[in-house]
Amino acid sequence: MNIQRNDTVEVIAGGDKGKRGRVLRVIPDENRVLVEHVHVVKKNVRPNPQKNIKGGIAEQEAPVHISNVMLVCSSCGPTRVGHKFEGDTKVRVCKKCGQTLAAKKK
């Protein structure tokens, strides 16, 4: 997957189109990512006195399909991702400007 945790992404499709946020979690089995402040849904929560949880309606982020987000390059904005090897490490590269994005493990 081209997107990793703590990357900044922009939503390119759906109701939250245009929003940017940080990736909180990547779910590779379902091809989904959890993005901060994007696709916020309401969830009914039961009170649990043992865990000190109040009941009510809570808001939380729901996963977004990975095809609906695009990685944001720090210099040129939303971009596609390429890969190249620098020595023994595989590195993600911005397709627009050629800048190295972050190291990726083999």
PDB file of N, CA and C in Angstrom:
ATOM      1  N   MET A   1       0.844  -1.184   0.000  1.00  0.00           N
ATOM      2  CA  MET A   1       0.000   0.000   0.000  1.00  0.00           C
ATOM      3  C   MET A   1       0.882   1.238   0.000  1.00  0.00           C
ATOM      4  N   ASN A   2       0.438   2.253  -0.713  1.00  0.00           N
ATOM      5  CA  ASN A   2       1.231   3.469  -0.854  1.00  0.00           C
ATOM      6  C   ASN A   2       1.037   4.445   0.294  1.00  0.00           C
ATOM      7  N   ILE A   3       0.010   4.236   1.089  1.00  0.00           N
ATOM      8  CA  ILE A   3      -0.291   5.154   2.176  1.00  0.00           C
ATOM      9  C   ILE A   3       0.027   4.474   3.499  1.00  0.00           C
ATOM     10  N   GLN A   4       0.695   5.223   4.387  1.00  0.00           N
ATOM     11  CA  GLN A   4       1.089   4.692   5.680  1.00  0.00           C
ATOM     12  C   GLN A   4       0.502   5.552   6.789  1.00  0.00           C
ATOM     13  N   ARG A   5       0.625   5.055   8.013  1.00  0.00           N
ATOM     14  CA  ARG A   5       0.144   5.789   9.176  1.00  0.00           C
ATOM     15  C   ARG A   5       0.888   7.118   9.305  1.00  0.00           C
ATOM     16  N   ASN A   6       0.183   8.157   9.748  1.00  0.00           N
ATOM     17  CA  ASN A   6       0.689   9.517   9.950  1.00  0.00           C
ATOM     18  C   ASN A   6       0.986  10.276   8.656  1.00  0.00           C
ATOM     19  N   ASP A   7       0.635   9.729   7.496  1.00  0.00           N
ATOM     20  CA  ASP A   7       0.731  10.483   6.244  1.00  0.00           C
ATOM     21  C   ASP A   7      -0.404  11.498   6.198  1.00  0.00           C
ATOM     22  N   THR A   8      -0.176  12.589   5.475  1.00  0.00           N
ATOM     23  CA  THR A   8      -1.252  13.546   5.227  1.00  0.00           C
ATOM     24  C   THR A   8      -1.881  13.196   3.890  1.00  0.00           C
ATOM     25  N   VAL A   9      -3.210  13.049   3.889  1.00  0.00           N
ATOM     26  CA  VAL A   9      -3.924  12.693   2.669  1.00  0.00           C
ATOM     27  C   VAL A   9      -5.049  13.682   2.420  1.00  0.00           C
ATOM     28  N   GLU A  10      -5.498  13.735   1.165  1.00  0.00           N
ATOM     29  CA  GLU A  10      -6.640  14.556   0.794  1.00  0.00           C
ATOM     30  C   GLU A  10      -7.705  13.641   0.198  1.00  0.00           C
ATOM     31  N   VAL A  11      -8.956  13.877   0.572  1.00  0.00           N
ATOM     32  CA  VAL A  11     -10.060  13.082   0.050  1.00  0.00           C
ATOM     33  C   VAL A  11     -10.388  13.601  -1.346  1.00  0.00           C
ATOM     34  N   ILE A  12     -10.450  12.691  -2.334  1.00  0.00           N
ATOM     35  CA  ILE A  12     -10.681  13.103  -3.719  1.00  0.00           C
ATOM     36  C   ILE A  12     -12.058  12.705  -4.232  1.00  0.00           C
ATOM     37  N   ALA A  13     -12.835  11.978  -3.406  1.00  0.00           N
ATOM     38  CA  ALA A  13     -14.172  11.566  -3.833  1.00  0.00           C
ATOM     39  C   ALA A  13     -15.056  11.387  -2.611  1.00  0.00           C
ATOM     40  N   GLY A  14     -16.349  11.602  -2.800  1.00  0.00           N
ATOM     41  CA  GLY A  14     -17.297  11.385  -1.719  1.00  0.00           C
ATOM     42  C   GLY A  14     -17.749  12.679  -1.075  1.00  0.00           C
ATOM     43  N   GLY A  15     -18.476  12.543   0.015  1.00  0.00           N
ATOM     44  CA  GLY A  15     -19.063  13.695   0.693  1.00  0.00           C
ATOM     45  C   GLY A  15     -18.047  14.616   1.332  1.00  0.00           C
ATOM     46  N   ASP A  16     -16.889  14.089   1.710  1.00  0.00           N
ATOM     47  CA  ASP A  16     -15.853  14.894   2.354  1.00  0.00           C
ATOM     48  C   ASP A  16     -14.766  15.316   1.367  1.00  0.00           C
ATOM     49  N   LYS A  17     -15.103  15.393   0.090  1.00  0.00           N
ATOM     50  CA  LYS A  17     -14.129  15.733  -0.945  1.00  0.00           C
ATOM     51  C   LYS A  17     -13.463  17.071  -0.651  1.00  0.00           C
ATOM     52  N   GLY A  18     -12.122  17.078  -0.745  1.00  0.00           N
ATOM     53  CA  GLY A  18     -11.367  18.296  -0.509  1.00  0.00           C
ATOM     54  C   GLY A  18     -10.783  18.405   0.889  1.00  0.00           C
ATOM     55  N   LYS A  19     -11.264  17.606   1.823  1.00  0.00           N
ATOM     56  CA  LYS A  19     -10.741  17.659   3.193  1.00  0.00           C
ATOM     57  C   LYS A  19      -9.382  16.975   3.264  1.00  0.00           C
ATOM     58  N   ARG A  20      -8.519  17.534   4.121  1.00  0.00           N
ATOM     59  CA  ARG A  20      -7.216  16.926   4.364  1.00  0.00           C
ATOM     60  C   ARG A  20      -7.136  16.468   5.798  1.00  0.00           C
ATOM     61  N   GLY A  21      -6.399  15.404   6.032  1.00  0.00           N
ATOM     62  CA  GLY A  21      -6.242  14.903   7.382  1.00  0.00           C
ATOM     63  C   GLY A  21      -5.086  13.921   7.480  1.00  0.00           C
ATOM     64  N   ARG A  22      -4.780  13.573   8.713  1.00  0.00           N
ATOM     65  CA  ARG A  22      -3.697  12.650   8.999  1.00  0.00           C
ATOM     66  C   ARG A  22      -4.265  11.238   9.085  1.00  0.00           C
ATOM     67  N   VAL A  23      -3.537  10.273   8.554  1.00  0.00           N
ATOM     68  CA  VAL A  23      -3.976   8.876   8.584  1.00  0.00           C
ATOM     69  C   VAL A  23      -3.746   8.336   9.989  1.00  0.00           C
ATOM     70  N   LEU A  24      -4.824   7.892  10.628  1.00  0.00           N
ATOM     71  CA  LEU A  24      -4.741   7.344  11.974  1.00  0.00           C
ATOM     72  C   LEU A  24      -4.451   5.851  11.952  1.00  0.00           C
ATOM     73  N   ARG A  25      -5.022   5.153  10.965  1.00  0.00           N
ATOM     74  CA  ARG A  25      -4.892   3.699  10.910  1.00  0.00           C
ATOM     75  C   ARG A  25      -5.058   3.232   9.479  1.00  0.00           C
ATOM     76  N   VAL A  26      -4.290   2.231   9.085  1.00  0.00           N
ATOM     77  CA  VAL A  26      -4.411   1.622   7.763  1.00  0.00           C
ATOM     78  C   VAL A  26      -4.939   0.209   7.949  1.00  0.00           C
ATOM     79  N   ILE A  27      -5.982  -0.148   7.183  1.00  0.00           N
ATOM     80  CA  ILE A  27      -6.573  -1.481   7.255  1.00  0.00           C
ATOM     81  C   ILE A  27      -6.356  -2.158   5.894  1.00  0.00           C
ATOM     82  N   PRO A  28      -5.203  -2.821   5.694  1.00  0.00           N
ATOM     83  CA  PRO A  28      -4.871  -3.356   4.374  1.00  0.00           C
ATOM     84  C   PRO A  28      -5.778  -4.482   3.898  1.00  0.00           C
ATOM     85  N   ASP A  29      -6.339  -5.262   4.819  1.00  0.00           N
ATOM     86  CA  ASP A  29      -7.203  -6.378   4.416  1.00  0.00           C
ATOM     87  C   ASP A  29      -8.469  -5.887   3.725  1.00  0.00           C
ATOM     88  N   GLU A  30      -8.950  -4.709   4.115  1.00  0.00           N
ATOM     89  CA  GLU A  30     -10.181  -4.159   3.554  1.00  0.00           C
ATOM     90  C   GLU A  30      -9.918  -3.000   2.596  1.00  0.00           C
ATOM     91  N   ASN A  31      -8.641  -2.681   2.331  1.00  0.00           N
ATOM     92  CA  ASN A  31      -8.251  -1.547   1.487  1.00  0.00           C
ATOM     93  C   ASN A  31      -8.866  -0.239   1.976  1.00  0.00           C
ATOM     94  N   ARG A  32      -8.778  -0.001   3.276  1.00  0.00           N
ATOM     95  CA  ARG A  32      -9.372   1.197   3.866  1.00  0.00           C
ATOM     96  C   ARG A  32      -8.381   1.897   4.782  1.00  0.00           C
ATOM     97  N   VAL A  33      -8.613   3.200   4.974  1.00  0.00           N
ATOM     98  CA  VAL A  33      -7.811   3.993   5.896  1.00  0.00           C
ATOM     99  C   VAL A  33      -8.741   4.790   6.795  1.00  0.00           C
ATOM    100  N   LEU A  34      -8.265   5.090   7.989  1.00  0.00           N
ATOM    101  CA  LEU A  34      -8.995   5.908   8.941  1.00  0.00           C
ATOM    102  C   LEU A  34      -8.295   7.260   8.969  1.00  0.00           C
ATOM    103  N   VAL A  35      -9.010   8.316   8.555  1.00  0.00           N
ATOM    104  CA  VAL A  35      -8.419   9.641   8.430  1.00  0.00           C
ATOM    105  C   VAL A  35      -9.033  10.563   9.482  1.00  0.00           C
ATOM    106  N   GLU A  36      -8.171  11.350  10.123  1.00  0.00           N
ATOM    107  CA  GLU A  36      -8.591  12.251  11.185  1.00  0.00           C
ATOM    108  C   GLU A  36      -9.555  13.312  10.650  1.00  0.00           C
ATOM    109  N   HIS A  37     -10.714  13.480  11.297  1.00  0.00           N
ATOM    110  CA  HIS A  37     -11.743  14.478  10.980  1.00  0.00           C
ATOM    111  C   HIS A  37     -12.372  14.290   9.598  1.00  0.00           C
ATOM    112  N   VAL A  38     -12.334  13.087   9.065  1.00  0.00           N
ATOM    113  CA  VAL A  38     -12.950  12.793   7.769  1.00  0.00           C
ATOM    114  C   VAL A  38     -13.915  11.626   7.956  1.00  0.00           C
ATOM    115  N   HIS A  39     -15.091  11.706   7.330  1.00  0.00           N
ATOM    116  CA  HIS A  39     -16.126  10.680   7.391  1.00  0.00           C
ATOM    117  C   HIS A  39     -16.520  10.402   8.849  1.00  0.00           C
ATOM    118  N   VAL A  40     -16.901  11.475   9.541  1.00  0.00           N
ATOM    119  CA  VAL A  40     -17.278  11.371  10.945  1.00  0.00           C
ATOM    120  C   VAL A  40     -18.729  10.894  11.033  1.00  0.00           C
ATOM    121  N   VAL A  41     -18.958   9.842  11.806  1.00  0.00           N
ATOM    122  CA  VAL A  41     -20.291   9.275  11.974  1.00  0.00           C
ATOM    123  C   VAL A  41     -20.667   9.311  13.448  1.00  0.00           C
ATOM    124  N   LYS A  42     -21.964   9.254  13.703  1.00  0.00           N
ATOM    125  CA  LYS A  42     -22.450   9.228  15.078  1.00  0.00           C
ATOM    126  C   LYS A  42     -22.655   7.776  15.498  1.00  0.00           C
ATOM    127  N   LYS A  43     -22.307   7.476  16.750  1.00  0.00           N
ATOM    128  CA  LYS A  43     -22.419   6.120  17.251  1.00  0.00           C
ATOM    129  C   LYS A  43     -23.079   6.165  18.628  1.00  0.00           C
ATOM    130  N   ASN A  44     -24.076   5.316  18.823  1.00  0.00           N
ATOM    131  CA  ASN A  44     -24.716   5.228  20.130  1.00  0.00           C
ATOM    132  C   ASN A  44     -23.826   4.417  21.068  1.00  0.00           C
ATOM    133  N   VAL A  45     -23.535   4.993  22.231  1.00  0.00           N
ATOM    134  CA  VAL A  45     -22.634   4.362  23.180  1.00  0.00           C
ATOM    135  C   VAL A  45     -23.395   4.078  24.468  1.00  0.00           C
ATOM    136  N   ARG A  46     -23.271   2.854  24.963  1.00  0.00           N
ATOM    137  CA  ARG A  46     -23.913   2.482  26.229  1.00  0.00           C
ATOM    138  C   ARG A  46     -23.013   2.907  27.382  1.00  0.00           C
ATOM    139  N   PRO A  47     -23.614   3.310  28.473  1.00  0.00           N
ATOM    140  CA  PRO A  47     -22.790   3.672  29.630  1.00  0.00           C
ATOM    141  C   PRO A  47     -22.139   2.436  30.251  1.00  0.00           C
ATOM    142  N   ASN A  48     -20.907   2.598  30.697  1.00  0.00           N
ATOM    143  CA  ASN A  48     -20.173   1.518  31.349  1.00  0.00           C
ATOM    144  C   ASN A  48     -19.452   2.104  32.569  1.00  0.00           C
ATOM    145  N   PRO A  49     -20.043   1.964  33.746  1.00  0.00           N
ATOM    146  CA  PRO A  49     -19.437   2.565  34.946  1.00  0.00           C
ATOM    147  C   PRO A  49     -18.066   1.983  35.290  1.00  0.00           C
ATOM    148  N   GLN A  50     -17.809   0.725  34.931  1.00  0.00           N
ATOM    149  CA  GLN A  50     -16.516   0.121  35.238  1.00  0.00           C
ATOM    150  C   GLN A  50     -15.383   0.797  34.480  1.00  0.00           C
ATOM    151  N   LYS A  51     -15.640   1.157  33.227  1.00  0.00           N
ATOM    152  CA  LYS A  51     -14.627   1.824  32.409  1.00  0.00           C
ATOM    153  C   LYS A  51     -14.785   3.342  32.429  1.00  0.00           C
ATOM    154  N   ASN A  52     -15.711   3.833  33.261  1.00  0.00           N
ATOM    155  CA  ASN A  52     -15.960   5.264  33.409  1.00  0.00           C
ATOM    156  C   ASN A  52     -16.367   5.906  32.078  1.00  0.00           C
ATOM    157  N   ILE A  53     -17.253   5.226  31.331  1.00  0.00           N
ATOM    158  CA  ILE A  53     -17.745   5.728  30.049  1.00  0.00           C
ATOM    159  C   ILE A  53     -19.177   6.196  30.228  1.00  0.00           C
ATOM    160  N   LYS A  54     -19.423   7.438  29.833  1.00  0.00           N
ATOM    161  CA  LYS A  54     -20.788   7.944  29.864  1.00  0.00           C
ATOM    162  C   LYS A  54     -21.506   7.494  28.600  1.00  0.00           C
ATOM    163  N   GLY A  55     -22.789   7.265  28.736  1.00  0.00           N
ATOM    164  CA  GLY A  55     -23.571   6.877  27.575  1.00  0.00           C
ATOM    165  C   GLY A  55     -23.965   8.089  26.765  1.00  0.00           C
ATOM    166  N   GLY A  56     -24.516   7.861  25.575  1.00  0.00           N
ATOM    167  CA  GLY A  56     -24.968   8.952  24.723  1.00  0.00           C
ATOM    168  C   GLY A  56     -24.589   8.716  23.282  1.00  0.00           C
ATOM    169  N   ILE A  57     -24.547   9.802  22.536  1.00  0.00           N
ATOM    170  CA  ILE A  57     -24.206   9.732  21.122  1.00  0.00           C
ATOM    171  C   ILE A  57     -22.811  10.308  20.938  1.00  0.00           C
ATOM    172  N   ALA A  58     -21.895   9.479  20.495  1.00  0.00           N
ATOM    173  CA  ALA A  58     -20.504   9.891  20.286  1.00  0.00           C
ATOM    174  C   ALA A  58     -20.227   9.994  18.794  1.00  0.00           C
ATOM    175  N   GLU A  59     -19.290  10.857  18.444  1.00  0.00           N
ATOM    176  CA  GLU A  59     -18.862  10.987  17.045  1.00  0.00           C
ATOM    177  C   GLU A  59     -17.479  10.384  16.904  1.00  0.00           C
ATOM    178  N   GLN A  60     -17.287   9.595  15.831  1.00  0.00           N
ATOM    179  CA  GLN A  60     -15.990   9.002  15.572  1.00  0.00           C
ATOM    180  C   GLN A  60     -15.786   8.872  14.064  1.00  0.00           C
ATOM    181  N   GLU A  61     -14.528   8.720  13.676  1.00  0.00           N
ATOM    182  CA  GLU A  61     -14.207   8.569  12.257  1.00  0.00           C
ATOM    183  C   GLU A  61     -14.514   7.149  11.809  1.00  0.00           C
ATOM    184  N   ALA A  62     -15.007   7.030  10.585  1.00  0.00           N
ATOM    185  CA  ALA A  62     -15.242   5.727   9.977  1.00  0.00           C
ATOM    186  C   ALA A  62     -14.220   5.542   8.851  1.00  0.00           C
ATOM    187  N   PRO A  63     -13.872   4.296   8.522  1.00  0.00           N
ATOM    188  CA  PRO A  63     -12.881   4.064   7.466  1.00  0.00           C
ATOM    189  C   PRO A  63     -13.355   4.541   6.090  1.00  0.00           C
ATOM    190  N   VAL A  64     -12.394   4.994   5.282  1.00  0.00           N
ATOM    191  CA  VAL A  64     -12.636   5.458   3.917  1.00  0.00           C
ATOM    192  C   VAL A  64     -11.852   4.537   2.991  1.00  0.00           C
ATOM    193  N   HIS A  65     -12.407   4.239   1.825  1.00  0.00           N
ATOM    194  CA  HIS A  65     -11.694   3.377   0.887  1.00  0.00           C
ATOM    195  C   HIS A  65     -10.439   4.084   0.399  1.00  0.00           C
ATOM    196  N   ILE A  66      -9.381   3.305   0.228  1.00  0.00           N
ATOM    197  CA  ILE A  66      -8.075   3.866  -0.098  1.00  0.00           C
ATOM    198  C   ILE A  66      -8.056   4.561  -1.462  1.00  0.00           C
ATOM    199  N   SER A  67      -8.966   4.162  -2.365  1.00  0.00           N
ATOM    200  CA  SER A  67      -9.013   4.787  -3.683  1.00  0.00           C
ATOM    201  C   SER A  67      -9.603   6.195  -3.627  1.00  0.00           C
ATOM    202  N   ASN A  68     -10.233   6.543  -2.501  1.00  0.00           N
ATOM    203  CA  ASN A  68     -10.844   7.864  -2.365  1.00  0.00           C
ATOM    204  C   ASN A  68      -9.942   8.886  -1.702  1.00  0.00           C
ATOM    205  N   VAL A  69      -8.712   8.514  -1.386  1.00  0.00           N
ATOM    206  CA  VAL A  69      -7.764   9.453  -0.803  1.00  0.00           C
ATOM    207  C   VAL A  69      -6.487   9.483  -1.637  1.00  0.00           C
ATOM    208  N   MET A  70      -5.792  10.628  -1.562  1.00  0.00           N
ATOM    209  CA  MET A  70      -4.558  10.799  -2.313  1.00  0.00           C
ATOM    210  C   MET A  70      -3.504  11.394  -1.391  1.00  0.00           C
ATOM    211  N   LEU A  71      -2.309  10.862  -1.442  1.00  0.00           N
ATOM    212  CA  LEU A  71      -1.216  11.320  -0.607  1.00  0.00           C
ATOM    213  C   LEU A  71      -0.845  12.756  -0.971  1.00  0.00           C
ATOM    214  N   VAL A  72      -0.525  13.581   0.037  1.00  0.00           N
ATOM    215  CA  VAL A  72      -0.183  14.983  -0.186  1.00  0.00           C
ATOM    216  C   VAL A  72       1.324  15.152  -0.043  1.00  0.00           C
ATOM    217  N   CYS A  73       1.952  15.650  -1.099  1.00  0.00           N
ATOM    218  CA  CYS A  73       3.383  15.968  -1.083  1.00  0.00           C
ATOM    219  C   CYS A  73       3.540  17.342  -0.426  1.00  0.00           C
ATOM    220  N   SER A  74       4.590  17.526   0.362  1.00  0.00           N
ATOM    221  CA  SER A  74       4.772  18.777   1.085  1.00  0.00           C
ATOM    222  C   SER A  74       5.047  19.959   0.152  1.00  0.00           C
ATOM    223  N   SER A  75       5.586  19.694  -1.027  1.00  0.00           N
ATOM    224  CA  SER A  75       5.932  20.799  -1.924  1.00  0.00           C
ATOM    225  C   SER A  75       4.910  21.035  -3.034  1.00  0.00           C
ATOM    226  N   CYS A  76       4.253  19.971  -3.526  1.00  0.00           N
ATOM    227  CA  CYS A  76       3.387  20.177  -4.694  1.00  0.00           C
ATOM    228  C   CYS A  76       1.934  19.750  -4.501  1.00  0.00           C
ATOM    229  N   GLY A  77       1.530  19.353  -3.300  1.00  0.00           N
ATOM    230  CA  GLY A  77       0.124  19.019  -3.046  1.00  0.00           C
ATOM    231  C   GLY A  77      -0.204  17.563  -3.316  1.00  0.00           C
ATOM    232  N   PRO A  78      -1.492  17.264  -3.578  1.00  0.00           N
ATOM    233  CA  PRO A  78      -1.903  15.869  -3.794  1.00  0.00           C
ATOM    234  C   PRO A  78      -1.213  15.274  -5.019  1.00  0.00           C
ATOM    235  N   THR A  79      -0.704  14.076  -4.878  1.00  0.00           N
ATOM    236  CA  THR A  79       0.063  13.475  -5.959  1.00  0.00           C
ATOM    237  C   THR A  79      -0.040  11.963  -5.927  1.00  0.00           C
ATOM    238  N   ARG A  80       0.299  11.339  -7.046  1.00  0.00           N
ATOM    239  CA  ARG A  80       0.413   9.895  -7.107  1.00  0.00           C
ATOM    240  C   ARG A  80       1.783   9.505  -6.565  1.00  0.00           C
ATOM    241  N   VAL A  81       1.922   8.224  -6.228  1.00  0.00           N
ATOM    242  CA  VAL A  81       3.134   7.759  -5.565  1.00  0.00           C
ATOM    243  C   VAL A  81       3.870   6.767  -6.451  1.00  0.00           C
ATOM    244  N   GLY A  82       5.169   6.949  -6.567  1.00  0.00           N
ATOM    245  CA  GLY A  82       6.029   6.004  -7.260  1.00  0.00           C
ATOM    246  C   GLY A  82       7.009   5.409  -6.259  1.00  0.00           C
ATOM    247  N   HIS A  83       7.782   4.434  -6.698  1.00  0.00           N
ATOM    248  CA  HIS A  83       8.751   3.781  -5.816  1.00  0.00           C
ATOM    249  C   HIS A  83      10.085   3.693  -6.528  1.00  0.00           C
ATOM    250  N   LYS A  84      11.161   3.780  -5.753  1.00  0.00           N
ATOM    251  CA  LYS A  84      12.496   3.515  -6.282  1.00  0.00           C
ATOM    252  C   LYS A  84      13.371   3.018  -5.152  1.00  0.00           C
ATOM    253  N   PHE A  85      14.459   2.368  -5.523  1.00  0.00           N
ATOM    254  CA  PHE A  85      15.386   1.846  -4.536  1.00  0.00           C
ATOM    255  C   PHE A  85      16.539   2.816  -4.360  1.00  0.00           C
ATOM    256  N   GLU A  86      16.846   3.141  -3.098  1.00  0.00           N
ATOM    257  CA  GLU A  86      18.043   3.901  -2.753  1.00  0.00           C
ATOM    258  C   GLU A  86      18.889   2.990  -1.882  1.00  0.00           C
ATOM    259  N   GLY A  87      19.854   2.360  -2.502  1.00  0.00           N
ATOM    260  CA  GLY A  87      20.634   1.355  -1.787  1.00  0.00           C
ATOM    261  C   GLY A  87      19.788   0.114  -1.556  1.00  0.00           C
ATOM    262  N   ASP A  88      19.608  -0.249  -0.293  1.00  0.00           N
ATOM    263  CA  ASP A  88      18.814  -1.431   0.043  1.00  0.00           C
ATOM    264  C   ASP A  88      17.387  -1.091   0.430  1.00  0.00           C
ATOM    265  N   THR A  89      17.060   0.192   0.528  1.00  0.00           N
ATOM    266  CA  THR A  89      15.730   0.577   0.993  1.00  0.00           C
ATOM    267  C   THR A  89      14.840   1.018  -0.154  1.00  0.00           C
ATOM    268  N   LYS A  90      13.581   0.623  -0.079  1.00  0.00           N
ATOM    269  CA  LYS A  90      12.579   1.028  -1.061  1.00  0.00           C
ATOM    270  C   LYS A  90      11.973   2.335  -0.571  1.00  0.00           C
ATOM    271  N   VAL A  91      11.935   3.335  -1.434  1.00  0.00           N
ATOM    272  CA  VAL A  91      11.512   4.675  -1.038  1.00  0.00           C
ATOM    273  C   VAL A  91      10.315   5.116  -1.869  1.00  0.00           C
ATOM    274  N   ARG A  92       9.370   5.806  -1.232  1.00  0.00           N
ATOM    275  CA  ARG A  92       8.233   6.367  -1.957  1.00  0.00           C
ATOM    276  C   ARG A  92       8.639   7.709  -2.548  1.00  0.00           C
ATOM    277  N   VAL A  93       8.214   7.957  -3.785  1.00  0.00           N
ATOM    278  CA  VAL A  93       8.621   9.150  -4.504  1.00  0.00           C
ATOM    279  C   VAL A  93       7.391   9.854  -5.063  1.00  0.00           C
ATOM    280  N   CYS A  94       7.380  11.180  -4.995  1.00  0.00           N
ATOM    281  CA  CYS A  94       6.310  11.986  -5.577  1.00  0.00           C
ATOM    282  C   CYS A  94       6.414  11.930  -7.095  1.00  0.00           C
ATOM    283  N   LYS A  95       5.299  11.648  -7.780  1.00  0.00           N
ATOM    284  CA  LYS A  95       5.318  11.538  -9.241  1.00  0.00           C
ATOM    285  C   LYS A  95       5.421  12.906  -9.907  1.00  0.00           C
ATOM    286  N   LYS A  96       5.001  13.991  -9.217  1.00  0.00           N
ATOM    287  CA  LYS A  96       5.042  15.319  -9.826  1.00  0.00           C
ATOM    288  C   LYS A  96       6.436  15.928  -9.774  1.00  0.00           C
ATOM    289  N   CYS A  97       7.046  15.944  -8.569  1.00  0.00           N
ATOM    290  CA  CYS A  97       8.315  16.655  -8.412  1.00  0.00           C
ATOM    291  C   CYS A  97       9.512  15.727  -8.210  1.00  0.00           C
ATOM    292  N   GLY A  98       9.290  14.444  -7.960  1.00  0.00           N
ATOM    293  CA  GLY A  98      10.380  13.501  -7.788  1.00  0.00           C
ATOM    294  C   GLY A  98      10.978  13.498  -6.394  1.00  0.00           C
ATOM    295  N   GLN A  99      10.381  14.246  -5.457  1.00  0.00           N
ATOM    296  CA  GLN A  99      10.887  14.326  -4.099  1.00  0.00           C
ATOM    297  C   GLN A  99      10.609  13.032  -3.340  1.00  0.00           C
ATOM    298  N   THR A 100      11.545  12.619  -2.483  1.00  0.00           N
ATOM    299  CA  THR A 100      11.356  11.433  -1.652  1.00  0.00           C
ATOM    300  C   THR A 100      10.340  11.756  -0.559  1.00  0.00           C
ATOM    301  N   LEU A 101       9.350  10.877  -0.400  1.00  0.00           N
ATOM    302  CA  LEU A 101       8.287  11.127   0.580  1.00  0.00           C
ATOM    303  C   LEU A 101       8.670  10.577   1.942  1.00  0.00           C
ATOM    304  N   ALA A 102       8.909   9.299   2.065  1.00  0.00           N
ATOM    305  CA  ALA A 102       9.335   8.696   3.330  1.00  0.00           C
ATOM    306  C   ALA A 102       9.837   7.294   3.038  1.00  0.00           C
ATOM    307  N   ALA A 103      10.693   6.803   3.919  1.00  0.00           N
ATOM    308  CA  ALA A 103      11.269   5.471   3.726  1.00  0.00           C
ATOM    309  C   ALA A 103      10.198   4.411   3.935  1.00  0.00           C
ATOM    310  N   LYS A 104      10.231   3.385   3.124  1.00  0.00           N
ATOM    311  CA  LYS A 104       9.306   2.267   3.234  1.00  0.00           C
ATOM    312  C   LYS A 104      10.108   1.002   3.410  1.00  0.00           C
ATOM    313  N   LYS A 105       9.679   0.146   4.319  1.00  0.00           N
ATOM    314  CA  LYS A 105      10.429  -1.091   4.575  1.00  0.00           C
ATOM    315  C   LYS A 105      10.269  -2.051   3.412  1.00  0.00           C
ATOM    316  N   LYS A 106      11.277  -2.891   3.223  1.00  0.00           N
ATOM    317  CA  LYS A 106      11.283  -3.863   2.131  1.00  0.00           C
ATOM    318  C   LYS A 106      10.143  -4.759   2.259  1.00  0.00           C
TER     319      LYS A 106
END
